[in-house]
């Protein structure tokens, strides 16, 4: 059986316009397992034959986007790919009102990366050559074959950050508005003046949004830990929790 590995990294996104998102799919930072992927060692040969951007490495489902370009930046020692996400109009033959759930998922994924709600990807690859890492627990993977890369909620490598030049708030205007509101709040509060209804509403909305984001991040963290445990079982090809009597009760559909 081919030894396929998966590594999640914090990729972020750069919105290039026209439904194109640029991902940094790998860099040379040490991940939580102590492994390092050498960018120059990436082999695109088979990936180029059928480039795919999947959801959670699910090769049995339809892809979320199509990689249009991929390359190694030798200066930054990072691996990049530009992914195109088709519109609802393209996916439905010009009838977005009839969009299937998968089509909506493609559109949602694009917008979540664009807004920064998603910022991680996971690479699926095969190790060709490696050497021991001096940290004593991981490997320096000097040559590897890229199969695909996928959308995931949380990263394994925290340092492969987005090239977010044109992300959700390209002008920085949103940040400026929030800072202005904060200053206004502080000034009004010190002077004893009454806060305007608009200021109160905006501050309440920001507080509620922050609380909701924290709640979702906690849920995603738990999901990520569970997913890592399951993926290790899949990679090892075993399931220690399956008891012999349970195996005997599995329906045999092969004649």
C-alpha atoms as a PDB file:
ATOM      1  CA  UNK A   1       0.000   0.000   0.000  1.00  0.00           C
ATOM      2  CA  UNK A   2       1.357   3.435  -0.919  1.00  0.00           C
ATOM      3  CA  UNK A   3       2.495   5.434   2.113  1.00  0.00           C
ATOM      4  CA  UNK A   4       0.519   8.688   1.785  1.00  0.00           C
ATOM      5  CA  UNK A   5       1.133  11.361   4.402  1.00  0.00           C
ATOM      6  CA  UNK A   6      -0.838  14.481   5.234  1.00  0.00           C
ATOM      7  CA  UNK A   7       0.445  17.705   6.764  1.00  0.00           C
ATOM      8  CA  UNK A   8      -1.810  20.608   7.695  1.00  0.00           C
ATOM      9  CA  UNK A   9      -0.368  24.110   7.414  1.00  0.00           C
ATOM     10  CA  UNK A  10      -1.633  27.607   8.122  1.00  0.00           C
ATOM     11  CA  UNK A  11      -1.933  28.832   4.580  1.00  0.00           C
ATOM     12  CA  UNK A  12      -4.239  31.813   4.603  1.00  0.00           C
ATOM     13  CA  UNK A  13      -5.173  33.274   1.275  1.00  0.00           C
ATOM     14  CA  UNK A  14      -4.553  36.015  -1.188  1.00  0.00           C
ATOM     15  CA  UNK A  15      -7.542  36.957  -3.302  1.00  0.00           C
ATOM     16  CA  UNK A  16      -6.216  37.497  -6.820  1.00  0.00           C
ATOM     17  CA  UNK A  17      -9.630  38.448  -8.178  1.00  0.00           C
ATOM     18  CA  UNK A  18     -11.736  36.555 -10.712  1.00  0.00           C
ATOM     19  CA  UNK A  19     -12.380  33.742  -8.177  1.00  0.00           C
ATOM     20  CA  UNK A  20      -8.682  32.891  -7.896  1.00  0.00           C
ATOM     21  CA  UNK A  21      -7.066  32.272  -4.485  1.00  0.00           C
ATOM     22  CA  UNK A  22      -3.309  31.938  -3.987  1.00  0.00           C
ATOM     23  CA  UNK A  23      -2.176  29.445  -1.346  1.00  0.00           C
ATOM     24  CA  UNK A  24       1.189  28.816   0.225  1.00  0.00           C
ATOM     25  CA  UNK A  25       0.799  25.052   0.419  1.00  0.00           C
ATOM     26  CA  UNK A  26       4.145  24.305   2.084  1.00  0.00           C
ATOM     27  CA  UNK A  27       7.211  25.969   3.563  1.00  0.00           C
ATOM     28  CA  UNK A  28      10.239  24.819   5.497  1.00  0.00           C
ATOM     29  CA  UNK A  29       9.010  25.484   9.023  1.00  0.00           C
ATOM     30  CA  UNK A  30       9.088  22.621  11.480  1.00  0.00           C
ATOM     31  CA  UNK A  31       5.567  21.327  12.117  1.00  0.00           C
ATOM     32  CA  UNK A  32       4.100  19.872  15.313  1.00  0.00           C
ATOM     33  CA  UNK A  33       5.405  16.414  14.435  1.00  0.00           C
ATOM     34  CA  UNK A  34       8.955  17.720  14.142  1.00  0.00           C
ATOM     35  CA  UNK A  35       8.998  17.290  10.349  1.00  0.00           C
ATOM     36  CA  UNK A  36      10.287  19.732   7.733  1.00  0.00           C
ATOM     37  CA  UNK A  37       9.311  19.626   4.050  1.00  0.00           C
ATOM     38  CA  UNK A  38      12.051  20.981   1.786  1.00  0.00           C
ATOM     39  CA  UNK A  39      10.349  23.150  -0.823  1.00  0.00           C
ATOM     40  CA  UNK A  40      12.953  22.410  -3.492  1.00  0.00           C
ATOM     41  CA  UNK A  41      12.221  18.690  -3.082  1.00  0.00           C
ATOM     42  CA  UNK A  42       8.599  18.932  -4.227  1.00  0.00           C
ATOM     43  CA  UNK A  43       7.838  16.735  -7.252  1.00  0.00           C
ATOM     44  CA  UNK A  44       4.790  17.964  -9.236  1.00  0.00           C
ATOM     45  CA  UNK A  45       4.990  15.291 -11.967  1.00  0.00           C
ATOM     46  CA  UNK A  46       1.853  13.285 -11.114  1.00  0.00           C
ATOM     47  CA  UNK A  47       0.026  16.233  -9.535  1.00  0.00           C
ATOM     48  CA  UNK A  48       0.273  18.096 -12.854  1.00  0.00           C
ATOM     49  CA  UNK A  49      -1.592  15.284 -14.617  1.00  0.00           C
ATOM     50  CA  UNK A  50      -4.725  15.793 -12.519  1.00  0.00           C
ATOM     51  CA  UNK A  51      -4.405  18.816 -10.195  1.00  0.00           C
ATOM     52  CA  UNK A  52      -7.052  18.835  -7.448  1.00  0.00           C
ATOM     53  CA  UNK A  53      -8.043  20.984  -4.485  1.00  0.00           C
ATOM     54  CA  UNK A  54     -10.159  18.731  -2.251  1.00  0.00           C
ATOM     55  CA  UNK A  55     -12.064  18.917   1.012  1.00  0.00           C
ATOM     56  CA  UNK A  56     -10.381  16.997   3.875  1.00  0.00           C
ATOM     57  CA  UNK A  57      -8.503  14.714   1.403  1.00  0.00           C
ATOM     58  CA  UNK A  58     -11.810  13.168   0.331  1.00  0.00           C
ATOM     59  CA  UNK A  59     -10.863  11.860  -3.121  1.00  0.00           C
ATOM     60  CA  UNK A  60     -14.270  10.194  -3.487  1.00  0.00           C
ATOM     61  CA  UNK A  61     -16.103  13.528  -3.511  1.00  0.00           C
ATOM     62  CA  UNK A  62     -16.138  16.307  -6.085  1.00  0.00           C
ATOM     63  CA  UNK A  63     -13.232  18.795  -5.791  1.00  0.00           C
ATOM     64  CA  UNK A  64     -13.712  22.276  -4.364  1.00  0.00           C
ATOM     65  CA  UNK A  65     -11.458  24.061  -6.820  1.00  0.00           C
ATOM     66  CA  UNK A  66      -8.983  23.643  -9.654  1.00  0.00           C
ATOM     67  CA  UNK A  67      -5.273  24.483  -9.223  1.00  0.00           C
ATOM     68  CA  UNK A  68      -4.276  26.491 -12.297  1.00  0.00           C
ATOM     69  CA  UNK A  69      -0.653  27.175 -11.431  1.00  0.00           C
ATOM     70  CA  UNK A  70       1.913  25.728  -9.018  1.00  0.00           C
ATOM     71  CA  UNK A  71       5.564  26.481  -8.369  1.00  0.00           C
ATOM     72  CA  UNK A  72       8.436  26.565  -5.880  1.00  0.00           C
ATOM     73  CA  UNK A  73       9.743  29.974  -4.843  1.00  0.00           C
ATOM     74  CA  UNK A  74      13.424  29.294  -4.207  1.00  0.00           C
ATOM     75  CA  UNK A  75      13.910  32.705  -2.619  1.00  0.00           C
ATOM     76  CA  UNK A  76      11.274  32.271   0.119  1.00  0.00           C
ATOM     77  CA  UNK A  77      11.567  28.449   0.127  1.00  0.00           C
ATOM     78  CA  UNK A  78       7.818  28.015  -0.191  1.00  0.00           C
ATOM     79  CA  UNK A  79       5.498  26.057  -2.476  1.00  0.00           C
ATOM     80  CA  UNK A  80       2.588  28.002  -3.984  1.00  0.00           C
ATOM     81  CA  UNK A  81      -0.529  27.236  -5.982  1.00  0.00           C
ATOM     82  CA  UNK A  82      -3.251  29.416  -7.526  1.00  0.00           C
ATOM     83  CA  UNK A  83      -6.687  27.779  -7.263  1.00  0.00           C
ATOM     84  CA  UNK A  84      -9.767  28.699  -9.287  1.00  0.00           C
ATOM     85  CA  UNK A  85     -13.218  28.367  -7.659  1.00  0.00           C
ATOM     86  CA  UNK A  86     -16.057  28.276 -10.231  1.00  0.00           C
ATOM     87  CA  UNK A  87     -19.095  30.490  -9.702  1.00  0.00           C
ATOM     88  CA  UNK A  88     -22.606  29.235  -9.002  1.00  0.00           C
ATOM     89  CA  UNK A  89     -23.544  30.371 -12.512  1.00  0.00           C
ATOM     90  CA  UNK A  90     -20.825  28.180 -14.028  1.00  0.00           C
ATOM     91  CA  UNK A  91     -21.720  25.197 -11.878  1.00  0.00           C
ATOM     92  CA  UNK A  92     -25.435  25.404 -12.670  1.00  0.00           C
ATOM     93  CA  UNK A  93     -25.407  26.344 -16.337  1.00  0.00           C
ATOM     94  CA  UNK A  94     -26.555  29.878 -15.589  1.00  0.00           C
ATOM     95  CA  UNK A  95     -29.254  28.919 -13.081  1.00  0.00           C
ATOM     96  CA  UNK A  96     -27.792  29.631  -9.611  1.00  0.00           C
ATOM     97  CA  UNK A  97     -31.244  29.353  -8.039  1.00  0.00           C
ATOM     98  CA  UNK A  98     -31.053  25.612  -8.810  1.00  0.00           C
ATOM     99  CA  UNK A  99     -27.647  25.160  -7.212  1.00  0.00           C
ATOM    100  CA  UNK A 100     -26.999  21.789  -5.569  1.00  0.00           C
ATOM    101  CA  UNK A 101     -25.487  21.597  -2.089  1.00  0.00           C
ATOM    102  CA  UNK A 102     -22.037  20.769  -3.494  1.00  0.00           C
ATOM    103  CA  UNK A 103     -22.119  23.857  -5.704  1.00  0.00           C
ATOM    104  CA  UNK A 104     -23.018  25.967  -2.675  1.00  0.00           C
ATOM    105  CA  UNK A 105     -20.155  24.356  -0.757  1.00  0.00           C
ATOM    106  CA  UNK A 106     -17.679  25.358  -3.482  1.00  0.00           C
ATOM    107  CA  UNK A 107     -18.936  28.940  -3.355  1.00  0.00           C
ATOM    108  CA  UNK A 108     -18.893  28.999   0.455  1.00  0.00           C
ATOM    109  CA  UNK A 109     -15.333  27.636   0.567  1.00  0.00           C
ATOM    110  CA  UNK A 110     -14.107  30.367  -1.774  1.00  0.00           C
ATOM    111  CA  UNK A 111     -15.725  33.113   0.288  1.00  0.00           C
ATOM    112  CA  UNK A 112     -14.520  31.694   3.607  1.00  0.00           C
ATOM    113  CA  UNK A 113     -10.911  31.699   2.402  1.00  0.00           C
ATOM    114  CA  UNK A 114     -11.376  35.151   0.930  1.00  0.00           C
ATOM    115  CA  UNK A 115     -12.745  36.491   4.235  1.00  0.00           C
ATOM    116  CA  UNK A 116     -10.134  34.718   6.351  1.00  0.00           C
ATOM    117  CA  UNK A 117     -12.615  32.417   8.121  1.00  0.00           C
ATOM    118  CA  UNK A 118     -10.603  29.542   6.658  1.00  0.00           C
ATOM    119  CA  UNK A 119      -6.824  29.848   6.585  1.00  0.00           C
ATOM    120  CA  UNK A 120      -5.396  26.347   6.454  1.00  0.00           C
ATOM    121  CA  UNK A 121      -4.639  23.682   3.886  1.00  0.00           C
ATOM    122  CA  UNK A 122      -3.281  20.146   4.146  1.00  0.00           C
ATOM    123  CA  UNK A 123      -0.900  18.550   1.648  1.00  0.00           C
ATOM    124  CA  UNK A 124      -1.224  14.917   0.651  1.00  0.00           C
ATOM    125  CA  UNK A 125       2.156  13.539  -0.440  1.00  0.00           C
ATOM    126  CA  UNK A 126       4.522  10.565  -0.587  1.00  0.00           C
ATOM    127  CA  UNK A 127       7.986  10.675   0.940  1.00  0.00           C
ATOM    128  CA  UNK A 128      10.724   9.868  -1.561  1.00  0.00           C
ATOM    129  CA  UNK A 129      13.826  10.783   0.452  1.00  0.00           C
ATOM    130  CA  UNK A 130      14.351  11.903   4.022  1.00  0.00           C
ATOM    131  CA  UNK A 131      16.959  12.303   6.725  1.00  0.00           C
ATOM    132  CA  UNK A 132      16.846  12.567  10.502  1.00  0.00           C
ATOM    133  CA  UNK A 133      16.037  15.922  12.039  1.00  0.00           C
ATOM    134  CA  UNK A 134      18.408  17.105  14.761  1.00  0.00           C
ATOM    135  CA  UNK A 135      15.415  17.644  17.064  1.00  0.00           C
ATOM    136  CA  UNK A 136      15.448  13.872  17.606  1.00  0.00           C
ATOM    137  CA  UNK A 137      11.774  13.275  16.855  1.00  0.00           C
ATOM    138  CA  UNK A 138      11.045  14.207  13.261  1.00  0.00           C
ATOM    139  CA  UNK A 139      12.455  14.062   9.747  1.00  0.00           C
ATOM    140  CA  UNK A 140      13.750  16.477   7.151  1.00  0.00           C
ATOM    141  CA  UNK A 141      11.893  15.369   4.031  1.00  0.00           C
ATOM    142  CA  UNK A 142      14.269  16.299   1.212  1.00  0.00           C
ATOM    143  CA  UNK A 143      12.204  14.906  -1.668  1.00  0.00           C
ATOM    144  CA  UNK A 144       8.445  14.341  -1.802  1.00  0.00           C
ATOM    145  CA  UNK A 145       5.742  13.744  -4.384  1.00  0.00           C
ATOM    146  CA  UNK A 146       2.687  16.004  -4.172  1.00  0.00           C
ATOM    147  CA  UNK A 147      -0.633  14.235  -4.821  1.00  0.00           C
ATOM    148  CA  UNK A 148      -3.154  16.936  -3.856  1.00  0.00           C
ATOM    149  CA  UNK A 149      -3.882  19.529  -1.220  1.00  0.00           C
ATOM    150  CA  UNK A 150      -7.086  20.064   0.706  1.00  0.00           C
ATOM    151  CA  UNK A 151      -9.143  22.548   2.694  1.00  0.00           C
ATOM    152  CA  UNK A 152      -8.963  21.952   6.468  1.00  0.00           C
ATOM    153  CA  UNK A 153     -10.124  24.076   9.424  1.00  0.00           C
ATOM    154  CA  UNK A 154      -6.958  24.190  11.538  1.00  0.00           C
ATOM    155  CA  UNK A 155      -3.238  23.952  10.735  1.00  0.00           C
ATOM    156  CA  UNK A 156      -0.423  21.653  11.828  1.00  0.00           C
ATOM    157  CA  UNK A 157       2.306  24.044  10.698  1.00  0.00           C
ATOM    158  CA  UNK A 158       1.644  27.463  12.240  1.00  0.00           C
ATOM    159  CA  UNK A 159       4.286  29.418  10.318  1.00  0.00           C
ATOM    160  CA  UNK A 160       3.359  29.004   6.655  1.00  0.00           C
ATOM    161  CA  UNK A 161       1.278  32.160   6.683  1.00  0.00           C
ATOM    162  CA  UNK A 162      -0.912  33.632   3.971  1.00  0.00           C
ATOM    163  CA  UNK A 163       0.243  36.058   1.334  1.00  0.00           C
ATOM    164  CA  UNK A 164      -2.752  38.178   2.337  1.00  0.00           C
ATOM    165  CA  UNK A 165      -2.057  41.283   0.287  1.00  0.00           C
ATOM    166  CA  UNK A 166      -5.589  41.589  -1.018  1.00  0.00           C
ATOM    167  CA  UNK A 167      -7.618  39.573   1.442  1.00  0.00           C
ATOM    168  CA  UNK A 168     -10.945  40.453   3.034  1.00  0.00           C
ATOM    169  CA  UNK A 169     -10.081  44.099   3.806  1.00  0.00           C
ATOM    170  CA  UNK A 170      -7.618  45.182   1.091  1.00  0.00           C
ATOM    171  CA  UNK A 171      -7.833  48.912   1.890  1.00  0.00           C
ATOM    172  CA  UNK A 172      -7.642  48.517   5.665  1.00  0.00           C
ATOM    173  CA  UNK A 173     -10.797  50.628   5.890  1.00  0.00           C
ATOM    174  CA  UNK A 174     -12.564  48.232   8.240  1.00  0.00           C
ATOM    175  CA  UNK A 175      -9.720  48.423  10.734  1.00  0.00           C
ATOM    176  CA  UNK A 176      -9.711  52.212  10.520  1.00  0.00           C
ATOM    177  CA  UNK A 177     -13.460  52.389  11.170  1.00  0.00           C
ATOM    178  CA  UNK A 178     -13.149  50.149  14.202  1.00  0.00           C
ATOM    179  CA  UNK A 179     -10.277  52.242  15.630  1.00  0.00           C
ATOM    180  CA  UNK A 180     -12.299  55.444  15.073  1.00  0.00           C
ATOM    181  CA  UNK A 181     -15.258  53.926  16.914  1.00  0.00           C
ATOM    182  CA  UNK A 182     -13.010  52.845  19.779  1.00  0.00           C
ATOM    183  CA  UNK A 183     -11.552  56.334  20.126  1.00  0.00           C
ATOM    184  CA  UNK A 184     -15.010  57.855  19.987  1.00  0.00           C
ATOM    185  CA  UNK A 185     -16.227  55.482  22.671  1.00  0.00           C
ATOM    186  CA  UNK A 186     -13.310  56.348  24.972  1.00  0.00           C
ATOM    187  CA  UNK A 187     -13.731  60.100  24.413  1.00  0.00           C
ATOM    188  CA  UNK A 188     -17.468  60.041  25.051  1.00  0.00           C
ATOM    189  CA  UNK A 189     -17.072  57.840  28.090  1.00  0.00           C
ATOM    190  CA  UNK A 190     -14.466  60.133  29.679  1.00  0.00           C
ATOM    191  CA  UNK A 191     -16.481  63.252  29.065  1.00  0.00           C
ATOM    192  CA  UNK A 192     -19.637  61.709  30.486  1.00  0.00           C
ATOM    193  CA  UNK A 193     -21.424  62.333  27.208  1.00  0.00           C
ATOM    194  CA  UNK A 194     -24.075  59.948  26.019  1.00  0.00           C
ATOM    195  CA  UNK A 195     -23.004  57.305  23.562  1.00  0.00           C
ATOM    196  CA  UNK A 196     -24.890  57.433  20.303  1.00  0.00           C
ATOM    197  CA  UNK A 197     -27.240  54.570  19.504  1.00  0.00           C
ATOM    198  CA  UNK A 198     -25.152  53.691  16.452  1.00  0.00           C
ATOM    199  CA  UNK A 199     -21.949  53.437  18.515  1.00  0.00           C
ATOM    200  CA  UNK A 200     -23.637  51.302  21.160  1.00  0.00           C
ATOM    201  CA  UNK A 201     -25.061  48.966  18.530  1.00  0.00           C
ATOM    202  CA  UNK A 202     -21.761  48.571  16.733  1.00  0.00           C
ATOM    203  CA  UNK A 203     -19.863  47.815  19.947  1.00  0.00           C
ATOM    204  CA  UNK A 204     -22.517  45.294  20.974  1.00  0.00           C
ATOM    205  CA  UNK A 205     -22.310  43.635  17.558  1.00  0.00           C
ATOM    206  CA  UNK A 206     -18.514  43.439  17.732  1.00  0.00           C
ATOM    207  CA  UNK A 207     -18.673  41.909  21.218  1.00  0.00           C
ATOM    208  CA  UNK A 208     -21.252  39.329  20.119  1.00  0.00           C
ATOM    209  CA  UNK A 209     -19.259  38.483  17.001  1.00  0.00           C
ATOM    210  CA  UNK A 210     -16.076  37.975  19.021  1.00  0.00           C
ATOM    211  CA  UNK A 211     -17.871  35.666  21.456  1.00  0.00           C
ATOM    212  CA  UNK A 212     -19.316  33.622  18.583  1.00  0.00           C
ATOM    213  CA  UNK A 213     -15.896  33.347  16.891  1.00  0.00           C
ATOM    214  CA  UNK A 214     -14.305  32.135  20.141  1.00  0.00           C
ATOM    215  CA  UNK A 215     -17.033  29.514  20.485  1.00  0.00           C
ATOM    216  CA  UNK A 216     -16.463  28.261  16.933  1.00  0.00           C
ATOM    217  CA  UNK A 217     -12.689  28.198  17.358  1.00  0.00           C
ATOM    218  CA  UNK A 218     -13.035  25.996  20.457  1.00  0.00           C
ATOM    219  CA  UNK A 219     -15.269  23.624  18.482  1.00  0.00           C
ATOM    220  CA  UNK A 220     -12.838  23.583  15.552  1.00  0.00           C
ATOM    221  CA  UNK A 221      -9.928  22.832  17.875  1.00  0.00           C
ATOM    222  CA  UNK A 222     -11.718  19.764  19.216  1.00  0.00           C
ATOM    223  CA  UNK A 223     -12.620  18.682  15.692  1.00  0.00           C
ATOM    224  CA  UNK A 224      -9.006  19.092  14.570  1.00  0.00           C
ATOM    225  CA  UNK A 225      -7.671  16.924  17.399  1.00  0.00           C
ATOM    226  CA  UNK A 226     -10.211  14.202  16.625  1.00  0.00           C
ATOM    227  CA  UNK A 227      -9.416  14.393  12.905  1.00  0.00           C
ATOM    228  CA  UNK A 228      -5.667  14.016  13.556  1.00  0.00           C
ATOM    229  CA  UNK A 229      -6.295  10.895  15.635  1.00  0.00           C
ATOM    230  CA  UNK A 230      -8.486   9.374  12.902  1.00  0.00           C
ATOM    231  CA  UNK A 231      -5.988  10.202  10.170  1.00  0.00           C
ATOM    232  CA  UNK A 232      -3.193   8.483  12.096  1.00  0.00           C
ATOM    233  CA  UNK A 233      -5.355   5.352  12.241  1.00  0.00           C
ATOM    234  CA  UNK A 234      -6.036   5.554   8.515  1.00  0.00           C
ATOM    235  CA  UNK A 235      -2.336   6.023   7.714  1.00  0.00           C
ATOM    236  CA  UNK A 236      -1.394   3.023   9.879  1.00  0.00           C
ATOM    237  CA  UNK A 237      -4.141   0.907   8.314  1.00  0.00           C
ATOM    238  CA  UNK A 238      -5.386  -0.265  11.714  1.00  0.00           C
ATOM    239  CA  UNK A 239      -8.230   0.463  14.071  1.00  0.00           C
ATOM    240  CA  UNK A 240      -7.401  -0.595  17.604  1.00  0.00           C
ATOM    241  CA  UNK A 241     -10.925   0.111  18.777  1.00  0.00           C
ATOM    242  CA  UNK A 242     -12.492  -2.530  16.532  1.00  0.00           C
ATOM    243  CA  UNK A 243     -13.002  -5.684  18.567  1.00  0.00           C
ATOM    244  CA  UNK A 244     -12.774  -9.182  17.023  1.00  0.00           C
ATOM    245  CA  UNK A 245     -16.484  -9.849  17.474  1.00  0.00           C
ATOM    246  CA  UNK A 246     -17.269  -6.590  15.704  1.00  0.00           C
ATOM    247  CA  UNK A 247     -15.057  -7.643  12.802  1.00  0.00           C
ATOM    248  CA  UNK A 248     -16.953 -10.956  12.573  1.00  0.00           C
ATOM    249  CA  UNK A 249     -20.238  -9.074  12.282  1.00  0.00           C
ATOM    250  CA  UNK A 250     -19.123  -6.944   9.320  1.00  0.00           C
ATOM    251  CA  UNK A 251     -21.289  -7.735   6.301  1.00  0.00           C
ATOM    252  CA  UNK A 252     -19.318  -9.598   3.647  1.00  0.00           C
ATOM    253  CA  UNK A 253     -20.444  -8.277   0.258  1.00  0.00           C
ATOM    254  CA  UNK A 254     -17.817 -10.155  -1.750  1.00  0.00           C
ATOM    255  CA  UNK A 255     -18.912 -13.463  -3.316  1.00  0.00           C
END
